[in-house]
């Protein structure tokens, strides 16, 4: 069977999709296993922070290098340029006046939504590639979000900043939240399962496997007592998925050396693995140097503000960049991730 036929129904190919999207929860096991069982395992977390996490957050900015993207973003200057500045300013103010819990809880809760939305988005790509009905999309999105939120907040007492807020309302709020999310998630999942069952053909393997992977991604919250470590373990899979989908999009879209210098640079980096990995490593090492220098000069809070800011700006920009309700986004992104050549024949 030819590669072209084999690739139908997959975003890129079976091997690539399994490694980059479906089996990524294994990366969580590797990182968490190293930390919990191996001496000096935290070194792996440090390495993953600067060589995977940081490049993932910064990769949102690569969209500004595309000529068509930048033109569209300039037509919405307040959203794409003023919004990030406001976020950085708010993070700095809240951190400097000691209202740290507002920043931390915003990051924790927005993170659940952000990761769930990415998973739901990639699932939508598989659904489209495999000829699934798009009316399933709202229920699929809600199922992923509600079940992931249930897992993340089941032991909310392990995350003191948010737990403190909840018990300040009433000591029974954490348990009420836990079971409310569970009931809502289970009910929505059953409705989604019934809708899928009405398809003309069973859900194909790529779509089914990715759906399972999206839910397994959040399970570290159940068995890792340190909430921050559980979050990082969960995010490892998310980081890999995001870097993979962004690279794949840029590689397909900017394969031809044309346009502005910045767009040609983006195309060149996307087409050359050695240059791509050098760029990723360089961005991570730059942030490592910033961390060390801020501590050396006694301004460690400046780096903390920078770290919190790029996280929240990434969440914010991604909500705009990947907003498929916008015709521009469907044309400039969707057309490259769901080309007709890869749609499964029904």
Protein backbone atom coordinates (compact mmCIF):
# COMPACT_ATOMS: atom_id res chain seq x y z
CA UNK A 1 0.00 0.00 0.00
CA UNK A 2 1.39 3.42 -0.95
CA UNK A 3 2.28 6.00 1.68
CA UNK A 4 -0.35 8.37 0.28
CA UNK A 5 -3.13 5.83 0.79
CA UNK A 6 -1.77 4.76 4.17
CA UNK A 7 -1.75 8.37 5.34
CA UNK A 8 -5.44 8.93 4.69
CA UNK A 9 -7.22 9.55 7.95
CA UNK A 10 -3.96 10.44 9.72
CA UNK A 11 -2.72 14.00 10.22
CA UNK A 12 0.71 13.07 8.85
CA UNK A 13 1.34 9.32 9.00
CA UNK A 14 0.71 6.46 11.44
CA UNK A 15 4.26 6.60 12.85
CA UNK A 16 4.32 10.39 13.20
CA UNK A 17 0.84 10.65 14.69
CA UNK A 18 1.48 7.91 17.23
CA UNK A 19 4.72 9.53 18.39
CA UNK A 20 3.62 13.18 18.26
CA UNK A 21 -0.04 13.04 19.29
CA UNK A 22 -1.41 9.71 20.52
CA UNK A 23 1.30 8.15 22.67
CA UNK A 24 2.50 11.38 24.29
CA UNK A 25 1.17 10.43 27.76
CA UNK A 26 4.18 8.09 27.86
CA UNK A 27 6.38 11.18 28.10
CA UNK A 28 4.59 11.99 31.35
CA UNK A 29 5.42 8.56 32.72
CA UNK A 30 9.06 8.99 31.76
CA UNK A 31 9.42 12.39 33.42
CA UNK A 32 7.39 11.55 36.51
CA UNK A 33 9.03 8.14 36.88
CA UNK A 34 12.45 9.76 36.75
CA UNK A 35 11.54 12.33 39.40
CA UNK A 36 9.85 9.86 41.74
CA UNK A 37 12.15 6.87 41.35
CA UNK A 38 15.56 7.94 40.01
CA UNK A 39 18.23 9.89 41.92
CA UNK A 40 18.69 13.35 40.42
CA UNK A 41 15.52 12.80 38.40
CA UNK A 42 14.63 16.48 38.79
CA UNK A 43 17.44 17.19 36.32
CA UNK A 44 15.15 15.78 33.64
CA UNK A 45 12.42 18.25 34.63
CA UNK A 46 14.89 21.13 34.39
CA UNK A 47 16.03 19.97 30.98
CA UNK A 48 12.46 19.48 29.77
CA UNK A 49 11.51 22.92 31.07
CA UNK A 50 14.08 24.74 28.97
CA UNK A 51 14.22 22.45 25.93
CA UNK A 52 10.51 21.58 25.59
CA UNK A 53 8.28 23.80 27.75
CA UNK A 54 9.84 27.18 26.95
CA UNK A 55 10.00 26.54 23.16
CA UNK A 56 6.36 25.45 23.33
CA UNK A 57 5.30 28.74 24.92
CA UNK A 58 7.38 30.80 22.52
CA UNK A 59 6.16 28.94 19.43
CA UNK A 60 2.92 30.96 19.49
CA UNK A 61 5.00 33.94 18.44
CA UNK A 62 6.13 32.17 15.25
CA UNK A 63 2.68 32.79 13.78
CA UNK A 64 3.55 36.48 13.61
CA UNK A 65 6.29 35.63 11.09
CA UNK A 66 3.84 34.56 8.38
CA UNK A 67 2.94 37.39 6.02
CA UNK A 68 -0.75 36.57 5.78
CA UNK A 69 -1.01 36.07 9.54
CA UNK A 70 0.69 39.36 10.35
CA UNK A 71 -1.55 41.23 7.95
CA UNK A 72 -4.63 39.73 9.63
CA UNK A 73 -3.27 40.40 13.13
CA UNK A 74 -2.66 44.04 12.23
CA UNK A 75 -6.32 44.32 11.27
CA UNK A 76 -7.09 43.38 14.90
CA UNK A 77 -4.33 45.32 16.68
CA UNK A 78 -6.07 45.58 20.03
CA UNK A 79 -6.57 41.84 20.32
CA UNK A 80 -3.19 40.68 19.01
CA UNK A 81 -0.86 43.45 20.18
CA UNK A 82 -2.46 45.38 23.03
CA UNK A 83 -3.91 42.30 24.77
CA UNK A 84 -0.51 40.64 25.45
CA UNK A 85 0.92 43.93 26.81
CA UNK A 86 -2.02 44.24 29.20
CA UNK A 87 -1.47 40.67 30.44
CA UNK A 88 2.23 41.30 31.12
CA UNK A 89 1.39 44.51 32.98
CA UNK A 90 -1.24 42.80 35.13
CA UNK A 91 1.07 39.91 35.99
CA UNK A 92 3.81 42.36 37.02
CA UNK A 93 1.46 44.43 39.17
CA UNK A 94 -0.14 41.43 40.88
CA UNK A 95 3.22 39.81 41.58
CA UNK A 96 4.84 42.98 42.88
CA UNK A 97 1.98 43.86 45.24
CA UNK A 98 1.88 40.30 46.61
CA UNK A 99 -1.39 39.08 45.06
CA UNK A 100 0.37 35.95 43.86
CA UNK A 101 -2.56 33.59 44.28
CA UNK A 102 -4.55 35.44 41.62
CA UNK A 103 -1.79 34.77 39.09
CA UNK A 104 -1.27 31.16 40.18
CA UNK A 105 -4.96 30.24 40.20
CA UNK A 106 -5.54 31.92 36.85
CA UNK A 107 -2.68 29.90 35.38
CA UNK A 108 -3.91 26.64 36.94
CA UNK A 109 -7.52 26.97 35.79
CA UNK A 110 -6.76 28.45 32.38
CA UNK A 111 -4.28 25.64 31.86
CA UNK A 112 -7.06 23.03 32.18
CA UNK A 113 -9.14 24.86 29.57
CA UNK A 114 -6.18 25.50 27.28
CA UNK A 115 -4.93 21.90 27.20
CA UNK A 116 -8.45 20.51 26.86
CA UNK A 117 -9.18 22.88 23.98
CA UNK A 118 -6.01 21.80 22.17
CA UNK A 119 -6.97 18.14 22.61
CA UNK A 120 -10.48 18.85 21.36
CA UNK A 121 -9.06 20.73 18.39
CA UNK A 122 -6.77 17.89 17.33
CA UNK A 123 -9.67 15.45 17.80
CA UNK A 124 -11.68 17.63 15.41
CA UNK A 125 -8.90 17.28 12.83
CA UNK A 126 -9.07 13.48 13.12
CA UNK A 127 -12.87 13.60 12.92
CA UNK A 128 -12.73 15.63 9.74
CA UNK A 129 -9.99 13.50 8.19
CA UNK A 130 -11.98 10.35 8.95
CA UNK A 131 -15.28 11.68 7.65
CA UNK A 132 -16.97 12.00 11.03
CA UNK A 133 -19.97 14.32 11.43
CA UNK A 134 -18.98 17.79 12.61
CA UNK A 135 -22.14 18.12 14.73
CA UNK A 136 -20.33 15.94 17.29
CA UNK A 137 -17.84 18.76 17.91
CA UNK A 138 -19.60 20.63 20.79
CA UNK A 139 -20.28 17.47 22.82
CA UNK A 140 -16.76 16.15 22.19
CA UNK A 141 -15.25 19.43 23.39
CA UNK A 142 -17.38 19.54 26.53
CA UNK A 143 -16.65 15.88 27.31
CA UNK A 144 -12.90 16.37 27.13
CA UNK A 145 -12.98 19.57 29.18
CA UNK A 146 -15.33 18.31 31.91
CA UNK A 147 -13.54 14.98 32.40
CA UNK A 148 -10.12 16.65 32.38
CA UNK A 149 -11.34 19.24 34.89
CA UNK A 150 -12.67 16.43 37.08
CA UNK A 151 -9.25 14.75 37.10
CA UNK A 152 -7.35 18.00 37.69
CA UNK A 153 -9.59 19.13 40.57
CA UNK A 154 -10.33 15.75 42.19
CA UNK A 155 -7.56 16.34 44.73
CA UNK A 156 -7.69 20.12 44.66
CA UNK A 157 -6.41 20.15 48.25
CA UNK A 158 -3.00 19.29 46.76
CA UNK A 159 -2.97 22.76 45.19
CA UNK A 160 -3.12 25.11 48.20
CA UNK A 161 -3.68 28.45 46.37
CA UNK A 162 -6.95 27.28 44.79
CA UNK A 163 -8.00 25.05 47.69
CA UNK A 164 -7.64 28.03 50.03
CA UNK A 165 -9.99 30.08 47.89
CA UNK A 166 -12.58 27.31 47.76
CA UNK A 167 -12.68 26.53 51.47
CA UNK A 168 -12.86 30.27 52.19
CA UNK A 169 -16.28 30.15 50.49
CA UNK A 170 -17.30 27.03 52.43
CA UNK A 171 -15.40 23.96 53.57
CA UNK A 172 -17.70 21.72 51.53
CA UNK A 173 -17.05 23.48 48.22
CA UNK A 174 -14.08 21.32 47.12
CA UNK A 175 -16.08 18.09 47.48
CA UNK A 176 -19.16 19.63 45.87
CA UNK A 177 -17.04 20.81 42.95
CA UNK A 178 -15.48 17.36 42.59
CA UNK A 179 -18.77 15.49 42.27
CA UNK A 180 -20.51 18.18 40.24
CA UNK A 181 -17.78 17.97 37.61
CA UNK A 182 -17.89 14.16 37.72
CA UNK A 183 -21.66 14.05 37.14
CA UNK A 184 -21.55 16.68 34.40
CA UNK A 185 -18.59 14.96 32.73
CA UNK A 186 -20.12 11.49 32.87
CA UNK A 187 -23.49 12.74 31.59
CA UNK A 188 -21.89 14.63 28.72
CA UNK A 189 -19.67 11.66 27.88
CA UNK A 190 -22.72 9.38 27.65
CA UNK A 191 -24.48 11.83 25.33
CA UNK A 192 -21.35 12.02 23.19
CA UNK A 193 -21.02 8.22 23.10
CA UNK A 194 -24.63 7.87 21.95
CA UNK A 195 -24.03 10.39 19.17
CA UNK A 196 -20.89 8.55 18.03
CA UNK A 197 -22.80 5.26 18.10
CA UNK A 198 -25.19 6.65 15.48
CA UNK A 199 -22.42 7.02 12.90
CA UNK A 200 -22.71 4.99 9.72
CA UNK A 201 -19.33 3.44 10.51
CA UNK A 202 -17.46 2.90 13.80
CA UNK A 203 -15.06 5.59 14.97
CA UNK A 204 -11.73 4.77 13.26
CA UNK A 205 -8.59 3.94 15.21
CA UNK A 206 -6.73 7.29 14.90
CA UNK A 207 -9.68 9.27 16.22
CA UNK A 208 -10.53 6.76 18.93
CA UNK A 209 -6.93 6.44 20.09
CA UNK A 210 -6.47 10.18 20.29
CA UNK A 211 -9.68 10.60 22.28
CA UNK A 212 -8.44 8.09 24.85
CA UNK A 213 -5.03 9.78 24.92
CA UNK A 214 -6.67 13.17 25.60
CA UNK A 215 -8.29 11.79 28.75
CA UNK A 216 -5.30 9.76 29.94
CA UNK A 217 -3.19 12.92 29.72
CA UNK A 218 -4.69 14.30 32.95
CA UNK A 219 -4.38 11.13 35.06
CA UNK A 220 -1.15 12.21 36.83
CA UNK A 221 -3.37 14.36 39.05
CA UNK A 222 -4.75 11.14 40.55
CA UNK A 223 -1.47 9.44 41.47
CA UNK A 224 1.10 12.22 41.95
CA UNK A 225 0.69 13.96 45.30
CA UNK A 226 2.65 17.07 44.32
CA UNK A 227 0.18 19.08 42.22
CA UNK A 228 2.90 21.14 40.53
CA UNK A 229 4.73 17.98 39.51
CA UNK A 230 1.48 16.39 38.31
CA UNK A 231 0.80 19.49 36.21
CA UNK A 232 4.24 19.37 34.63
CA UNK A 233 3.88 15.66 33.91
CA UNK A 234 0.52 16.23 32.24
CA UNK A 235 1.92 19.14 30.26
CA UNK A 236 4.79 17.13 28.80
CA UNK A 237 2.39 15.43 26.42
CA UNK A 238 0.70 18.72 25.63
CA UNK A 239 4.05 20.39 24.89
CA UNK A 240 5.00 17.67 22.43
CA UNK A 241 1.63 17.79 20.70
CA UNK A 242 1.74 21.55 20.32
CA UNK A 243 5.29 21.73 19.02
CA UNK A 244 4.48 18.94 16.57
CA UNK A 245 1.30 20.50 15.18
CA UNK A 246 2.91 23.95 14.84
CA UNK A 247 5.96 22.50 13.09
CA UNK A 248 3.81 20.42 10.76
CA UNK A 249 1.64 23.41 9.86
CA UNK A 250 4.60 25.69 9.15
CA UNK A 251 6.41 22.99 7.18
CA UNK A 252 3.42 22.45 4.91
CA UNK A 253 2.46 26.10 4.59
CA UNK A 254 5.86 27.71 4.10
CA UNK A 255 7.65 25.00 2.15
CA UNK A 256 8.26 27.40 -0.73
CA UNK A 257 10.94 30.03 -0.21
CA UNK A 258 8.83 33.11 -0.90
CA UNK A 259 7.44 36.16 0.85
CA UNK A 260 9.17 38.41 3.36
CA UNK A 261 12.52 37.61 4.95
CA UNK A 262 10.86 36.60 8.20
CA UNK A 263 8.49 34.22 6.39
CA UNK A 264 11.35 32.70 4.40
CA UNK A 265 13.27 32.24 7.66
CA UNK A 266 10.29 30.45 9.19
CA UNK A 267 10.06 28.19 6.15
CA UNK A 268 13.78 27.45 6.24
CA UNK A 269 13.73 26.55 9.94
CA UNK A 270 10.67 24.34 9.47
CA UNK A 271 12.26 22.49 6.54
CA UNK A 272 15.63 21.76 8.18
CA UNK A 273 15.54 19.52 11.28
CA UNK A 274 19.05 20.50 12.43
CA UNK A 275 18.17 24.19 12.27
CA UNK A 276 14.81 23.54 13.93
CA UNK A 277 16.37 21.76 16.92
CA UNK A 278 19.11 24.38 17.16
CA UNK A 279 16.45 27.09 17.33
CA UNK A 280 14.51 25.20 19.98
CA UNK A 281 17.63 24.60 22.05
CA UNK A 282 18.78 28.19 21.62
CA UNK A 283 15.49 29.64 22.86
CA UNK A 284 15.52 27.36 25.88
CA UNK A 285 19.14 28.14 26.74
CA UNK A 286 18.43 31.87 26.43
CA UNK A 287 15.73 31.55 29.09
CA UNK A 288 18.01 29.44 31.26
CA UNK A 289 20.63 32.20 31.06
CA UNK A 290 17.97 34.78 31.95
CA UNK A 291 17.00 32.71 35.00
CA UNK A 292 20.58 32.42 36.20
CA UNK A 293 21.39 36.08 35.59
CA UNK A 294 18.25 37.33 37.33
CA UNK A 295 19.21 35.30 40.41
CA UNK A 296 22.83 36.48 40.21
CA UNK A 297 21.83 40.14 40.16
CA UNK A 298 19.16 39.76 42.84
CA UNK A 299 16.15 40.34 40.58
CA UNK A 300 14.75 36.80 40.51
CA UNK A 301 11.21 38.20 40.61
CA UNK A 302 11.78 39.67 37.14
CA UNK A 303 12.24 36.17 35.75
CA UNK A 304 9.19 34.87 37.63
CA UNK A 305 7.12 37.67 36.08
CA UNK A 306 8.55 36.82 32.66
CA UNK A 307 7.72 33.11 33.08
CA UNK A 308 4.17 33.77 34.28
CA UNK A 309 3.64 36.32 31.52
CA UNK A 310 4.73 34.13 28.61
CA UNK A 311 2.49 31.35 29.96
CA UNK A 312 -0.61 33.52 30.10
CA UNK A 313 0.17 35.32 26.84
CA UNK A 314 0.52 31.90 25.19
CA UNK A 315 -2.91 30.88 26.52
CA UNK A 316 -4.41 34.15 25.34
CA UNK A 317 -2.84 34.23 21.87
CA UNK A 318 -3.69 30.60 21.18
CA UNK A 319 -7.34 31.37 21.77
CA UNK A 320 -7.08 33.87 18.91
CA UNK A 321 -4.65 32.09 16.60
CA UNK A 322 -6.60 28.81 16.57
CA UNK A 323 -10.12 30.30 16.57
CA UNK A 324 -11.57 28.22 13.74
CA UNK A 325 -14.83 30.17 13.91
CA UNK A 326 -12.92 32.87 12.02
CA UNK A 327 -12.90 32.35 8.23
CA UNK A 328 -9.27 33.48 8.04
CA UNK A 329 -8.19 30.79 10.51
CA UNK A 330 -10.08 28.06 8.68
CA UNK A 331 -8.38 29.07 5.46
CA UNK A 332 -4.87 29.77 6.76
CA UNK A 333 -4.61 26.81 9.16
CA UNK A 334 -7.39 24.32 8.51
CA UNK A 335 -6.61 23.95 4.83
CA UNK A 336 -3.09 22.74 5.66
CA UNK A 337 -4.00 20.35 8.49
CA UNK A 338 -6.98 18.71 6.77
CA UNK A 339 -6.01 18.57 3.08
CA UNK A 340 -8.34 16.58 0.84
CA UNK A 341 -5.53 14.15 0.01
CA UNK A 342 -5.58 12.84 3.59
CA UNK A 343 -9.31 12.54 4.08
CA UNK A 344 -10.36 8.92 4.44
CA UNK A 345 -12.59 7.53 1.71
CA UNK A 346 -16.06 6.64 3.01
